[in-house]
């Protein structure tokens, strides 16, 4: 503890909490593990790469686990703020900016300069950091590591190690424990191990993360990917069919029953990393009205861009002659426009009153999408769309959204923008699920306004930038497109004001009602008498 004279009358200690000797030892172990990787990055010739890889990952994991146990098991159950706004790393201080710069630099090198990590070019052997991971990659799939294997391994280790920390921190809440175990399971199994095993069984199959749904797995509909699946018989066809069913059948049904939380908080790797490794930065998410307005415009703009780019990507390898294949460019563009029109008309007819003023913005997005698709169709040539070469256009979405936004900004800026900047401002999957959740999901967070003491714990812990306290004070149900149903607001509430529910659609949206006491609508009671 600092010896400086502190005149604050706050009952919370204004200084950051000192760390114990055990925590210092754990931090040292983690730093040594990272240092081994830094040495590998500079082409250090280790006598046994496999041994030093195990040592590096083991020290990082063990350091995180030991630190977490000492930090949380020495305290009573229940979430405390623990001075997060007084720590440099979690309050946009110097250490926060340093970590942000390091993460952002790593992502830039990973996506755009993998040779600096040691990736072998044109069949050359790997060097540096990537070579350190060769033994593990060869053990799992029999092939040398790539920058994506290195990233996937580090990503998985981070979710597992920090997931354990998360479970200890929220051990008073069973929902948080089960949810965290779920994202750890899906990341380790579906995102990391299964694709490696699929390669062993059939190395001609394109990479496929089974839990990644369009538009996150935009690559599944690229020409090389489709040809790769179709050339592998029934298993390849089954994967394409599963991908399509995930979009149009599985996702809407699960969102209807459970809200977008079934994916964003239980399955998604991006959400898994944000919830575990990014938990220390969740309070940095801006709750300003201006941030909410930017979020709504930006994420739906990305969704329009994703729809147009995916349509354009498929459009580029379709032909004009129906004798060659029935799905010509004209038929495909007509089907896409008809499907989007059906959704738009259905929403306007059946859900117009729930959208309110947002209906006009939805209409703007719909007509903008249709206009872009028609422009693409009537100005496109064999080699160009939107007067851009088809190959360049196909890579645009992967570069600007899949790489720069989700990786460099979305994760690299954890210590600056909060842990779910990508989920909040850029993820097109979150936009689709949010649209479904807002209009026809049973999920909501109910509030008991009569019990709220306005402590602000809920708003402080919301990584999606929702001012939860404002809803709780008025007793309004929280039905927001951006809400991922993580439940942390409920977990940190000292009064049990917030409750996650899957109930009927009746009374789900109550923006004009003020509920008091035990969530009773007093006007309904008066009108019934």
Protein backbone atom coordinates (compact mmCIF):
# COMPACT_ATOMS: atom_id res chain seq x y z
CA UNK A 1 0.00 0.00 0.00
CA UNK A 2 1.23 3.46 -0.83
CA UNK A 3 2.33 5.62 2.14
CA UNK A 4 1.05 8.81 0.55
CA UNK A 5 -1.42 10.91 2.50
CA UNK A 6 -4.88 10.23 1.17
CA UNK A 7 -7.74 12.54 2.06
CA UNK A 8 -10.44 10.52 0.35
CA UNK A 9 -13.47 9.73 2.51
CA UNK A 10 -14.52 6.85 0.28
CA UNK A 11 -15.27 3.62 2.14
CA UNK A 12 -13.51 1.83 -0.73
CA UNK A 13 -9.72 2.07 -0.55
CA UNK A 14 -8.62 4.51 -3.28
CA UNK A 15 -5.28 2.76 -3.79
CA UNK A 16 -4.77 -0.38 -5.81
CA UNK A 17 -4.68 -3.52 -3.70
CA UNK A 18 -1.15 -4.86 -3.15
CA UNK A 19 -0.40 -8.35 -4.42
CA UNK A 20 0.83 -11.09 -2.11
CA UNK A 21 4.14 -12.93 -2.26
CA UNK A 22 2.42 -15.96 -3.79
CA UNK A 23 0.92 -13.78 -6.51
CA UNK A 24 4.33 -12.24 -7.22
CA UNK A 25 5.83 -15.71 -7.64
CA UNK A 26 2.97 -16.69 -9.94
CA UNK A 27 3.46 -13.55 -12.01
CA UNK A 28 7.16 -14.31 -12.26
CA UNK A 29 6.41 -17.82 -13.54
CA UNK A 30 4.08 -16.44 -16.21
CA UNK A 31 6.64 -13.84 -17.27
CA UNK A 32 9.31 -16.54 -17.59
CA UNK A 33 6.96 -18.51 -19.84
CA UNK A 34 6.39 -15.46 -22.02
CA UNK A 35 10.14 -14.79 -22.05
CA UNK A 36 10.79 -18.25 -23.50
CA UNK A 37 8.45 -17.36 -26.37
CA UNK A 38 10.22 -14.03 -26.85
CA UNK A 39 13.53 -15.90 -27.06
CA UNK A 40 11.99 -18.22 -29.67
CA UNK A 41 10.80 -15.18 -31.59
CA UNK A 42 14.42 -14.09 -31.90
CA UNK A 43 15.46 -17.50 -33.29
CA UNK A 44 17.01 -18.90 -30.13
CA UNK A 45 18.18 -22.46 -30.82
CA UNK A 46 16.55 -24.52 -28.07
CA UNK A 47 17.97 -28.04 -27.55
CA UNK A 48 14.42 -29.45 -27.48
CA UNK A 49 11.60 -27.38 -28.93
CA UNK A 50 8.90 -29.67 -27.53
CA UNK A 51 10.27 -29.45 -24.01
CA UNK A 52 10.57 -25.68 -24.07
CA UNK A 53 7.10 -25.31 -25.58
CA UNK A 54 5.63 -27.39 -22.75
CA UNK A 55 7.68 -25.36 -20.28
CA UNK A 56 6.50 -22.02 -21.72
CA UNK A 57 2.81 -22.93 -21.89
CA UNK A 58 3.01 -24.72 -18.54
CA UNK A 59 4.56 -21.75 -16.75
CA UNK A 60 2.00 -19.35 -18.21
CA UNK A 61 -0.91 -21.62 -17.26
CA UNK A 62 0.47 -22.48 -13.82
CA UNK A 63 1.21 -18.83 -13.07
CA UNK A 64 -2.36 -17.83 -13.98
CA UNK A 65 -3.86 -20.65 -11.92
CA UNK A 66 -1.73 -20.04 -8.81
CA UNK A 67 -2.33 -16.28 -9.00
CA UNK A 68 -6.08 -16.82 -9.33
CA UNK A 69 -6.30 -19.24 -6.43
CA UNK A 70 -4.44 -16.90 -4.12
CA UNK A 71 -6.45 -13.90 -5.31
CA UNK A 72 -9.93 -15.40 -4.89
CA UNK A 73 -9.84 -18.43 -2.58
CA UNK A 74 -8.46 -16.29 0.25
CA UNK A 75 -11.64 -14.16 0.15
CA UNK A 76 -15.27 -14.83 0.84
CA UNK A 77 -17.48 -15.74 -2.12
CA UNK A 78 -19.08 -12.86 -3.95
CA UNK A 79 -17.83 -10.30 -6.44
CA UNK A 80 -15.96 -7.23 -5.27
CA UNK A 81 -14.71 -4.47 -7.51
CA UNK A 82 -11.21 -4.98 -6.08
CA UNK A 83 -10.11 -1.49 -7.02
CA UNK A 84 -10.30 -2.06 -10.79
CA UNK A 85 -10.54 1.67 -11.40
CA UNK A 86 -7.39 2.26 -9.35
CA UNK A 87 -5.20 -0.24 -11.18
CA UNK A 88 -3.16 1.06 -14.09
CA UNK A 89 -3.79 -1.97 -16.28
CA UNK A 90 -7.58 -1.97 -15.85
CA UNK A 91 -8.28 1.77 -15.91
CA UNK A 92 -6.54 2.88 -19.14
CA UNK A 93 -3.39 3.73 -17.23
CA UNK A 94 0.18 3.34 -18.45
CA UNK A 95 0.20 -0.43 -18.13
CA UNK A 96 -3.14 -0.65 -19.89
CA UNK A 97 -1.78 1.25 -22.87
CA UNK A 98 1.42 -0.82 -22.89
CA UNK A 99 -0.57 -4.08 -22.96
CA UNK A 100 -2.85 -2.65 -25.65
CA UNK A 101 0.12 -1.69 -27.85
CA UNK A 102 1.71 -5.13 -27.40
CA UNK A 103 -1.52 -6.97 -28.28
CA UNK A 104 -2.22 -4.73 -31.27
CA UNK A 105 1.34 -5.16 -32.57
CA UNK A 106 1.05 -8.94 -32.22
CA UNK A 107 -2.18 -9.00 -34.22
CA UNK A 108 -0.77 -6.81 -36.98
CA UNK A 109 2.26 -9.10 -37.32
CA UNK A 110 0.06 -12.22 -37.13
CA UNK A 111 -2.29 -11.13 -39.91
CA UNK A 112 -0.01 -9.20 -42.22
CA UNK A 113 3.64 -10.11 -41.50
CA UNK A 114 3.70 -13.79 -40.39
CA UNK A 115 7.28 -14.18 -41.65
CA UNK A 116 8.38 -12.09 -38.67
CA UNK A 117 7.02 -14.87 -36.46
CA UNK A 118 9.15 -17.36 -38.38
CA UNK A 119 6.68 -18.77 -40.92
CA UNK A 120 8.50 -20.71 -43.62
CA UNK A 121 7.84 -19.33 -47.11
CA UNK A 122 7.52 -21.56 -50.22
CA UNK A 123 8.13 -24.81 -48.37
CA UNK A 124 11.01 -23.54 -46.21
CA UNK A 125 11.22 -24.76 -42.62
CA UNK A 126 9.66 -22.67 -39.91
CA UNK A 127 11.85 -20.58 -37.67
CA UNK A 128 11.39 -18.48 -34.56
CA UNK A 129 8.16 -18.62 -32.58
CA UNK A 130 6.26 -20.75 -35.11
CA UNK A 131 9.01 -23.38 -35.12
CA UNK A 132 8.58 -23.68 -31.34
CA UNK A 133 5.03 -24.94 -31.97
CA UNK A 134 6.02 -27.44 -34.68
CA UNK A 135 6.22 -30.44 -32.29
CA UNK A 136 2.64 -29.90 -31.04
CA UNK A 137 1.28 -29.37 -34.55
CA UNK A 138 3.00 -32.52 -35.85
CA UNK A 139 1.68 -34.47 -32.87
CA UNK A 140 -1.93 -33.44 -33.59
CA UNK A 141 -2.05 -33.38 -37.38
CA UNK A 142 1.37 -34.43 -38.70
CA UNK A 143 2.09 -31.09 -40.37
CA UNK A 144 4.31 -28.13 -39.44
CA UNK A 145 2.75 -25.28 -37.51
CA UNK A 146 1.38 -22.17 -39.17
CA UNK A 147 0.78 -18.75 -37.67
CA UNK A 148 -2.87 -19.77 -37.26
CA UNK A 149 -1.94 -22.88 -35.31
CA UNK A 150 0.24 -20.77 -33.01
CA UNK A 151 -2.59 -18.29 -32.56
CA UNK A 152 -5.15 -21.06 -32.00
CA UNK A 153 -2.96 -22.68 -29.35
CA UNK A 154 -2.35 -19.43 -27.47
CA UNK A 155 -6.03 -18.53 -27.82
CA UNK A 156 -7.10 -21.87 -26.36
CA UNK A 157 -4.58 -21.73 -23.50
CA UNK A 158 -5.78 -18.21 -22.65
CA UNK A 159 -9.44 -19.28 -22.50
CA UNK A 160 -8.64 -22.36 -20.41
CA UNK A 161 -6.30 -20.63 -17.94
CA UNK A 162 -8.30 -17.44 -17.55
CA UNK A 163 -11.50 -19.47 -17.64
CA UNK A 164 -10.33 -21.16 -14.45
CA UNK A 165 -9.68 -17.71 -12.97
CA UNK A 166 -13.19 -16.64 -14.02
CA UNK A 167 -14.74 -19.70 -12.35
CA UNK A 168 -12.97 -18.92 -9.09
CA UNK A 169 -13.99 -15.26 -9.20
CA UNK A 170 -17.66 -16.06 -9.80
CA UNK A 171 -17.78 -19.28 -7.81
CA UNK A 172 -20.84 -18.01 -5.94
CA UNK A 173 -22.85 -18.14 -9.17
CA UNK A 174 -23.60 -21.53 -10.74
CA UNK A 175 -24.73 -20.01 -14.04
CA UNK A 176 -21.34 -18.35 -14.53
CA UNK A 177 -19.48 -21.56 -13.76
CA UNK A 178 -21.47 -23.67 -16.22
CA UNK A 179 -21.32 -20.98 -18.91
CA UNK A 180 -17.55 -20.70 -18.59
CA UNK A 181 -17.05 -24.46 -18.73
CA UNK A 182 -19.14 -24.42 -21.91
CA UNK A 183 -16.97 -21.87 -23.74
CA UNK A 184 -13.83 -23.69 -22.56
CA UNK A 185 -15.21 -26.95 -23.95
CA UNK A 186 -16.23 -25.51 -27.32
CA UNK A 187 -12.94 -23.70 -27.77
CA UNK A 188 -10.79 -26.70 -26.90
CA UNK A 189 -12.88 -29.28 -28.74
CA UNK A 190 -14.69 -27.63 -31.64
CA UNK A 191 -12.33 -24.79 -32.50
CA UNK A 192 -8.93 -26.36 -31.75
CA UNK A 193 -8.84 -30.17 -31.66
CA UNK A 194 -11.60 -31.28 -34.05
CA UNK A 195 -10.30 -29.28 -37.08
CA UNK A 196 -6.86 -30.83 -36.50
CA UNK A 197 -8.33 -34.34 -36.31
CA UNK A 198 -10.45 -33.68 -39.41
CA UNK A 199 -7.27 -32.87 -41.28
CA UNK A 200 -5.75 -36.19 -40.18
CA UNK A 201 -8.82 -38.11 -41.37
CA UNK A 202 -9.09 -36.21 -44.65
CA UNK A 203 -6.47 -33.59 -45.47
CA UNK A 204 -8.37 -32.49 -48.58
CA UNK A 205 -11.21 -31.04 -46.53
CA UNK A 206 -11.09 -27.25 -46.10
CA UNK A 207 -10.67 -25.98 -42.55
CA UNK A 208 -14.02 -25.86 -40.78
CA UNK A 209 -14.73 -24.68 -37.24
CA UNK A 210 -18.06 -26.43 -36.60
CA UNK A 211 -19.24 -23.84 -34.07
CA UNK A 212 -18.56 -20.88 -36.34
CA UNK A 213 -21.69 -19.77 -38.18
CA UNK A 214 -21.98 -17.40 -41.13
CA UNK A 215 -21.18 -14.54 -41.36
CA UNK A 216 -18.29 -15.34 -39.02
CA UNK A 217 -17.17 -18.23 -41.21
CA UNK A 218 -17.48 -16.20 -44.42
CA UNK A 219 -14.83 -18.42 -46.02
CA UNK A 220 -17.19 -21.44 -46.18
CA UNK A 221 -18.91 -19.99 -49.26
CA UNK A 222 -15.75 -19.01 -51.11
CA UNK A 223 -15.16 -20.85 -54.38
CA UNK A 224 -12.12 -22.83 -53.24
CA UNK A 225 -13.96 -23.88 -50.07
CA UNK A 226 -17.14 -24.99 -51.85
CA UNK A 227 -15.16 -26.97 -54.43
CA UNK A 228 -13.10 -28.53 -51.62
CA UNK A 229 -16.22 -29.69 -49.79
CA UNK A 230 -18.02 -30.96 -52.91
CA UNK A 231 -14.96 -32.91 -54.06
CA UNK A 232 -14.94 -34.90 -50.81
CA UNK A 233 -18.21 -36.72 -51.27
CA UNK A 234 -20.90 -37.06 -48.67
CA UNK A 235 -18.90 -35.71 -45.73
CA UNK A 236 -18.11 -32.50 -47.58
CA UNK A 237 -21.72 -32.10 -48.71
CA UNK A 238 -22.91 -32.77 -45.16
CA UNK A 239 -20.67 -29.97 -43.82
CA UNK A 240 -22.07 -27.49 -46.35
CA UNK A 241 -25.64 -28.54 -45.52
CA UNK A 242 -24.86 -28.21 -41.80
CA UNK A 243 -23.48 -24.72 -42.42
CA UNK A 244 -26.64 -23.67 -44.26
CA UNK A 245 -28.94 -25.23 -41.64
CA UNK A 246 -26.98 -23.43 -38.93
CA UNK A 247 -27.88 -20.11 -40.55
CA UNK A 248 -31.54 -20.60 -41.38
CA UNK A 249 -32.79 -23.24 -38.91
CA UNK A 250 -30.59 -23.93 -35.88
CA UNK A 251 -29.69 -20.33 -35.06
CA UNK A 252 -33.26 -18.89 -35.16
CA UNK A 253 -34.68 -21.75 -33.08
CA UNK A 254 -32.05 -21.51 -30.35
CA UNK A 255 -32.26 -17.70 -30.29
CA UNK A 256 -36.03 -17.89 -29.95
CA UNK A 257 -35.74 -20.21 -26.94
CA UNK A 258 -32.67 -18.78 -25.19
CA UNK A 259 -31.76 -15.43 -26.75
CA UNK A 260 -28.40 -14.72 -28.35
CA UNK A 261 -26.66 -15.85 -25.16
CA UNK A 262 -26.73 -19.47 -26.38
CA UNK A 263 -24.04 -18.48 -28.88
CA UNK A 264 -22.40 -15.25 -27.73
CA UNK A 265 -21.92 -16.36 -24.12
CA UNK A 266 -21.87 -20.16 -24.32
CA UNK A 267 -20.25 -21.13 -27.63
CA UNK A 268 -18.48 -18.30 -29.47
CA UNK A 269 -14.68 -18.18 -29.22
CA UNK A 270 -14.58 -14.38 -29.48
CA UNK A 271 -17.03 -14.10 -26.62
CA UNK A 272 -15.15 -16.79 -24.71
CA UNK A 273 -11.89 -14.85 -24.87
CA UNK A 274 -13.66 -11.61 -23.93
CA UNK A 275 -15.31 -13.22 -20.91
CA UNK A 276 -12.18 -14.96 -19.62
CA UNK A 277 -8.97 -13.19 -20.62
CA UNK A 278 -10.87 -9.91 -21.05
CA UNK A 279 -12.79 -10.00 -17.77
CA UNK A 280 -10.44 -7.47 -16.14
CA UNK A 281 -11.38 -4.90 -18.80
CA UNK A 282 -15.18 -5.31 -18.93
CA UNK A 283 -15.77 -2.07 -16.99
CA UNK A 284 -14.06 -0.01 -19.74
CA UNK A 285 -17.00 -0.39 -22.13
CA UNK A 286 -18.51 3.06 -22.67
CA UNK A 287 -22.06 3.57 -21.37
CA UNK A 288 -22.53 6.92 -23.12
CA UNK A 289 -25.54 7.54 -25.34
CA UNK A 290 -23.17 8.58 -28.14
CA UNK A 291 -21.45 5.17 -27.92
CA UNK A 292 -24.83 3.43 -28.15
CA UNK A 293 -25.76 5.42 -31.26
CA UNK A 294 -22.39 4.66 -32.86
CA UNK A 295 -22.81 0.99 -31.99
CA UNK A 296 -26.20 0.72 -33.68
CA UNK A 297 -25.04 2.41 -36.87
CA UNK A 298 -21.70 0.67 -37.08
CA UNK A 299 -22.69 -2.91 -36.37
CA UNK A 300 -25.61 -2.82 -38.80
CA UNK A 301 -23.44 -1.18 -41.44
CA UNK A 302 -21.03 -4.10 -41.02
CA UNK A 303 -23.97 -6.48 -41.37
CA UNK A 304 -25.04 -4.86 -44.65
CA UNK A 305 -21.43 -5.04 -45.83
CA UNK A 306 -21.27 -8.73 -44.86
CA UNK A 307 -24.48 -9.61 -46.71
CA UNK A 308 -23.38 -7.76 -49.83
CA UNK A 309 -19.84 -9.15 -49.75
CA UNK A 310 -20.99 -12.74 -49.21
CA UNK A 311 -23.50 -12.41 -52.02
CA UNK A 312 -20.81 -10.89 -54.22
CA UNK A 313 -18.37 -13.65 -53.32
CA UNK A 314 -20.79 -16.38 -54.43
CA UNK A 315 -21.91 -14.31 -57.41
CA UNK A 316 -18.35 -14.11 -58.79
CA UNK A 317 -18.07 -17.84 -59.48
CA UNK A 318 -21.57 -18.38 -60.86
CA UNK A 319 -22.19 -18.31 -64.58
CA UNK A 320 -24.76 -16.85 -66.93
CA UNK A 321 -25.81 -20.01 -68.79
CA UNK A 322 -28.51 -22.06 -67.08
CA UNK A 323 -27.61 -25.03 -69.24
CA UNK A 324 -24.34 -25.35 -67.34
CA UNK A 325 -25.89 -25.00 -63.89
CA UNK A 326 -29.39 -23.96 -62.90
CA UNK A 327 -28.16 -21.46 -60.28
CA UNK A 328 -27.10 -18.63 -62.56
CA UNK A 329 -26.15 -15.15 -61.43
CA UNK A 330 -29.61 -13.81 -62.26
CA UNK A 331 -31.40 -16.59 -60.37
CA UNK A 332 -29.10 -16.23 -57.37
CA UNK A 333 -29.48 -12.47 -57.06
CA UNK A 334 -33.26 -12.83 -57.44
CA UNK A 335 -33.40 -15.42 -54.66
CA UNK A 336 -31.33 -13.26 -52.32
CA UNK A 337 -33.47 -10.16 -52.92
CA UNK A 338 -36.68 -12.18 -52.54
CA UNK A 339 -35.49 -13.65 -49.23
CA UNK A 340 -34.47 -10.26 -47.83
CA UNK A 341 -37.78 -8.76 -48.97
CA UNK A 342 -39.71 -11.56 -47.28
CA UNK A 343 -37.92 -10.88 -43.98
CA UNK A 344 -38.42 -7.12 -44.27
CA UNK A 345 -42.15 -7.37 -45.07
CA UNK A 346 -42.75 -9.93 -42.32
CA UNK A 347 -41.04 -7.74 -39.74
CA UNK A 348 -42.94 -4.64 -40.80
CA UNK A 349 -46.28 -6.45 -40.75
CA UNK A 350 -45.93 -8.41 -37.52
CA UNK A 351 -43.32 -6.55 -35.45
CA UNK A 352 -43.62 -2.93 -36.55
CA UNK A 353 -44.93 -1.71 -33.18
CA UNK A 354 -42.05 -3.31 -31.30
CA UNK A 355 -39.46 -1.65 -33.51
CA UNK A 356 -40.93 1.80 -32.97
CA UNK A 357 -38.69 4.54 -34.34
CA UNK A 358 -36.07 1.95 -35.28
CA UNK A 359 -38.32 0.78 -38.12
CA UNK A 360 -37.19 3.61 -40.38
CA UNK A 361 -33.53 2.74 -39.80
CA UNK A 362 -34.29 -0.88 -40.59
CA UNK A 363 -35.96 0.22 -43.80
CA UNK A 364 -32.92 2.30 -44.70
CA UNK A 365 -30.67 -0.71 -44.21
CA UNK A 366 -32.93 -2.94 -46.29
CA UNK A 367 -33.17 -0.55 -49.24
CA UNK A 368 -29.43 0.17 -49.09
CA UNK A 369 -28.71 -3.56 -49.31
CA UNK A 370 -31.11 -4.07 -52.21
CA UNK A 371 -29.70 -1.07 -54.06
CA UNK A 372 -26.13 -2.37 -53.69
CA UNK A 373 -27.12 -5.83 -54.88
CA UNK A 374 -28.90 -4.43 -57.95
CA UNK A 375 -25.96 -2.14 -58.70
CA UNK A 376 -23.63 -5.12 -58.46
CA UNK A 377 -25.80 -7.17 -60.80
CA UNK A 378 -26.37 -4.59 -63.52
CA UNK A 379 -22.85 -3.14 -63.57
CA UNK A 380 -20.92 -6.35 -62.97
CA UNK A 381 -18.86 -8.14 -65.59
CA UNK A 382 -17.13 -11.50 -65.64
CA UNK A 383 -14.00 -10.05 -64.04
CA UNK A 384 -15.32 -7.08 -62.06
CA UNK A 385 -17.99 -6.19 -59.52
CA UNK A 386 -18.53 -2.61 -58.38
CA UNK A 387 -15.76 -1.84 -60.89
CA UNK A 388 -13.35 -3.84 -58.72
CA UNK A 389 -11.60 -7.06 -59.64
CA UNK A 390 -13.52 -10.06 -58.31
CA UNK A 391 -10.51 -11.53 -56.52
CA UNK A 392 -9.86 -8.27 -54.72
CA UNK A 393 -13.49 -7.99 -53.72
CA UNK A 394 -13.61 -11.53 -52.34
CA UNK A 395 -10.73 -10.78 -50.00
CA UNK A 396 -12.12 -7.41 -48.84
CA UNK A 397 -14.42 -8.81 -46.17
CA UNK A 398 -11.79 -11.12 -44.74
CA UNK A 399 -9.25 -8.29 -44.61
CA UNK A 400 -11.26 -5.40 -43.22
CA UNK A 401 -13.74 -7.26 -41.02
CA UNK A 402 -12.22 -10.66 -40.29
CA UNK A 403 -8.69 -9.33 -39.70
CA UNK A 404 -8.51 -5.63 -38.89
CA UNK A 405 -11.76 -5.18 -36.98
CA UNK A 406 -12.16 -8.49 -35.13
CA UNK A 407 -8.48 -9.08 -34.44
CA UNK A 408 -6.40 -5.92 -34.43
CA UNK A 409 -9.09 -3.65 -32.94
CA UNK A 410 -11.47 -6.12 -31.32
CA UNK A 411 -8.90 -7.94 -29.21
CA UNK A 412 -5.86 -5.68 -29.31
CA UNK A 413 -7.88 -2.83 -27.82
CA UNK A 414 -9.18 -4.79 -24.80
CA UNK A 415 -7.35 -2.52 -22.31
CA UNK A 416 -8.66 0.61 -24.06
CA UNK A 417 -12.20 -0.04 -25.36
CA UNK A 418 -13.25 -2.93 -23.14
CA UNK A 419 -13.40 -6.63 -23.79
CA UNK A 420 -16.29 -6.77 -26.27
CA UNK A 421 -15.57 -3.93 -28.66
CA UNK A 422 -15.76 -6.37 -31.59
CA UNK A 423 -18.96 -8.02 -30.33
CA UNK A 424 -20.54 -4.63 -29.68
CA UNK A 425 -19.50 -2.58 -32.70
CA UNK A 426 -18.46 -4.96 -35.46
CA UNK A 427 -19.63 -8.57 -35.26
CA UNK A 428 -22.24 -9.23 -37.99
CA UNK A 429 -23.24 -12.47 -36.25
CA UNK A 430 -24.05 -10.47 -33.12
CA UNK A 431 -26.15 -8.11 -35.26
CA UNK A 432 -28.18 -10.99 -36.73
CA UNK A 433 -28.70 -12.68 -33.37
CA UNK A 434 -29.51 -9.33 -31.78
CA UNK A 435 -32.16 -8.70 -34.44
CA UNK A 436 -33.70 -12.09 -33.72
CA UNK A 437 -33.47 -11.60 -29.96
CA UNK A 438 -35.10 -8.19 -30.07
CA UNK A 439 -38.07 -9.33 -32.13
CA UNK A 440 -38.98 -12.93 -31.32
CA UNK A 441 -36.93 -14.34 -28.45
CA UNK A 442 -38.30 -15.46 -25.10
CA UNK A 443 -35.22 -14.15 -23.34
CA UNK A 444 -35.23 -11.02 -21.22
CA UNK A 445 -33.64 -9.72 -18.02
CA UNK A 446 -36.37 -8.77 -15.59
CA UNK A 447 -35.81 -6.13 -12.93
CA UNK A 448 -37.27 -5.48 -9.50
CA UNK A 449 -37.16 -1.71 -9.27
CA UNK A 450 -38.35 -1.59 -5.68
CA UNK A 451 -35.18 -3.37 -4.50
CA UNK A 452 -32.62 -1.38 -6.52
CA UNK A 453 -30.23 0.72 -4.39
CA UNK A 454 -28.52 2.32 -7.41
CA UNK A 455 -25.08 0.99 -6.48
CA UNK A 456 -24.10 0.82 -10.16
CA UNK A 457 -22.36 -2.56 -9.98
CA UNK A 458 -24.49 -3.85 -12.86
CA UNK A 459 -23.68 -1.01 -15.25
CA UNK A 460 -20.01 -1.04 -14.29
CA UNK A 461 -19.73 -4.75 -15.12
CA UNK A 462 -21.68 -4.68 -18.39
CA UNK A 463 -19.16 -5.23 -21.18
CA UNK A 464 -21.75 -4.42 -23.86
CA UNK A 465 -22.11 -0.82 -22.69
CA UNK A 466 -25.68 -1.15 -21.41
CA UNK A 467 -26.60 1.19 -18.56
CA UNK A 468 -28.33 -1.61 -16.66
CA UNK A 469 -28.91 0.56 -13.60
CA UNK A 470 -31.14 2.92 -15.61
CA UNK A 471 -33.44 0.00 -16.44
CA UNK A 472 -33.34 -1.38 -12.91
CA UNK A 473 -34.24 1.97 -11.34
CA UNK A 474 -37.39 2.14 -13.46
CA UNK A 475 -38.22 -1.54 -13.16
CA UNK A 476 -38.06 -2.05 -16.94
CA UNK A 477 -37.27 -5.39 -18.49
CA UNK A 478 -33.98 -5.33 -20.37
CA UNK A 479 -34.61 -6.37 -23.96
CA UNK A 480 -31.66 -5.03 -25.90
CA UNK A 481 -30.28 -6.35 -29.16
CA UNK A 482 -26.75 -5.94 -27.85
CA UNK A 483 -27.28 -7.89 -24.61
CA UNK A 484 -25.35 -11.17 -24.79
CA UNK A 485 -26.97 -12.61 -21.67
CA UNK A 486 -23.68 -13.13 -19.86
CA UNK A 487 -25.51 -12.56 -16.58
CA UNK A 488 -22.67 -10.71 -14.86
CA UNK A 489 -25.02 -7.82 -14.03
CA UNK A 490 -27.19 -10.26 -12.09
CA UNK A 491 -24.16 -11.94 -10.50
CA UNK A 492 -22.76 -8.69 -9.07
CA UNK A 493 -26.08 -7.25 -7.89
CA UNK A 494 -26.12 -7.23 -4.06
CA UNK A 495 -29.93 -7.11 -3.88
CA UNK A 496 -31.09 -9.72 -6.38
CA UNK A 497 -32.73 -7.07 -8.55
CA UNK A 498 -31.89 -8.67 -11.90
CA UNK A 499 -33.01 -12.05 -13.17
CA UNK A 500 -32.35 -13.80 -16.50
CA UNK A 501 -35.54 -15.39 -17.81
CA UNK A 502 -36.90 -17.37 -20.75
CA UNK A 503 -40.64 -16.78 -20.54
CA UNK A 504 -43.58 -16.04 -22.81
CA UNK A 505 -43.57 -13.15 -25.25
CA UNK A 506 -46.40 -11.42 -23.39
CA UNK A 507 -45.26 -8.40 -21.41
CA UNK A 508 -41.68 -8.89 -22.48
CA UNK A 509 -41.20 -5.36 -23.75
CA UNK A 510 -42.44 -2.69 -21.33
CA UNK A 511 -40.65 0.55 -22.29
CA UNK A 512 -43.48 2.83 -21.20
CA UNK A 513 -44.40 1.07 -17.97
CA UNK A 514 -42.97 1.74 -14.54
CA UNK A 515 -42.90 -1.37 -12.40
CA UNK A 516 -42.53 -1.09 -8.64
CA UNK A 517 -42.06 -3.50 -5.79
CA UNK A 518 -42.21 -7.09 -6.94
CA UNK A 519 -42.44 -6.34 -10.69
CA UNK A 520 -46.17 -5.66 -10.49
CA UNK A 521 -47.81 -3.47 -13.10
CA UNK A 522 -50.00 -1.32 -10.86
CA UNK A 523 -52.08 0.02 -13.75
CA UNK A 524 -53.05 -3.51 -14.75
CA UNK A 525 -54.18 -4.15 -11.21
CA UNK A 526 -56.22 -0.93 -11.17
CA UNK A 527 -57.84 -1.67 -14.54
CA UNK A 528 -58.85 -5.14 -13.43
CA UNK A 529 -60.85 -3.76 -10.48
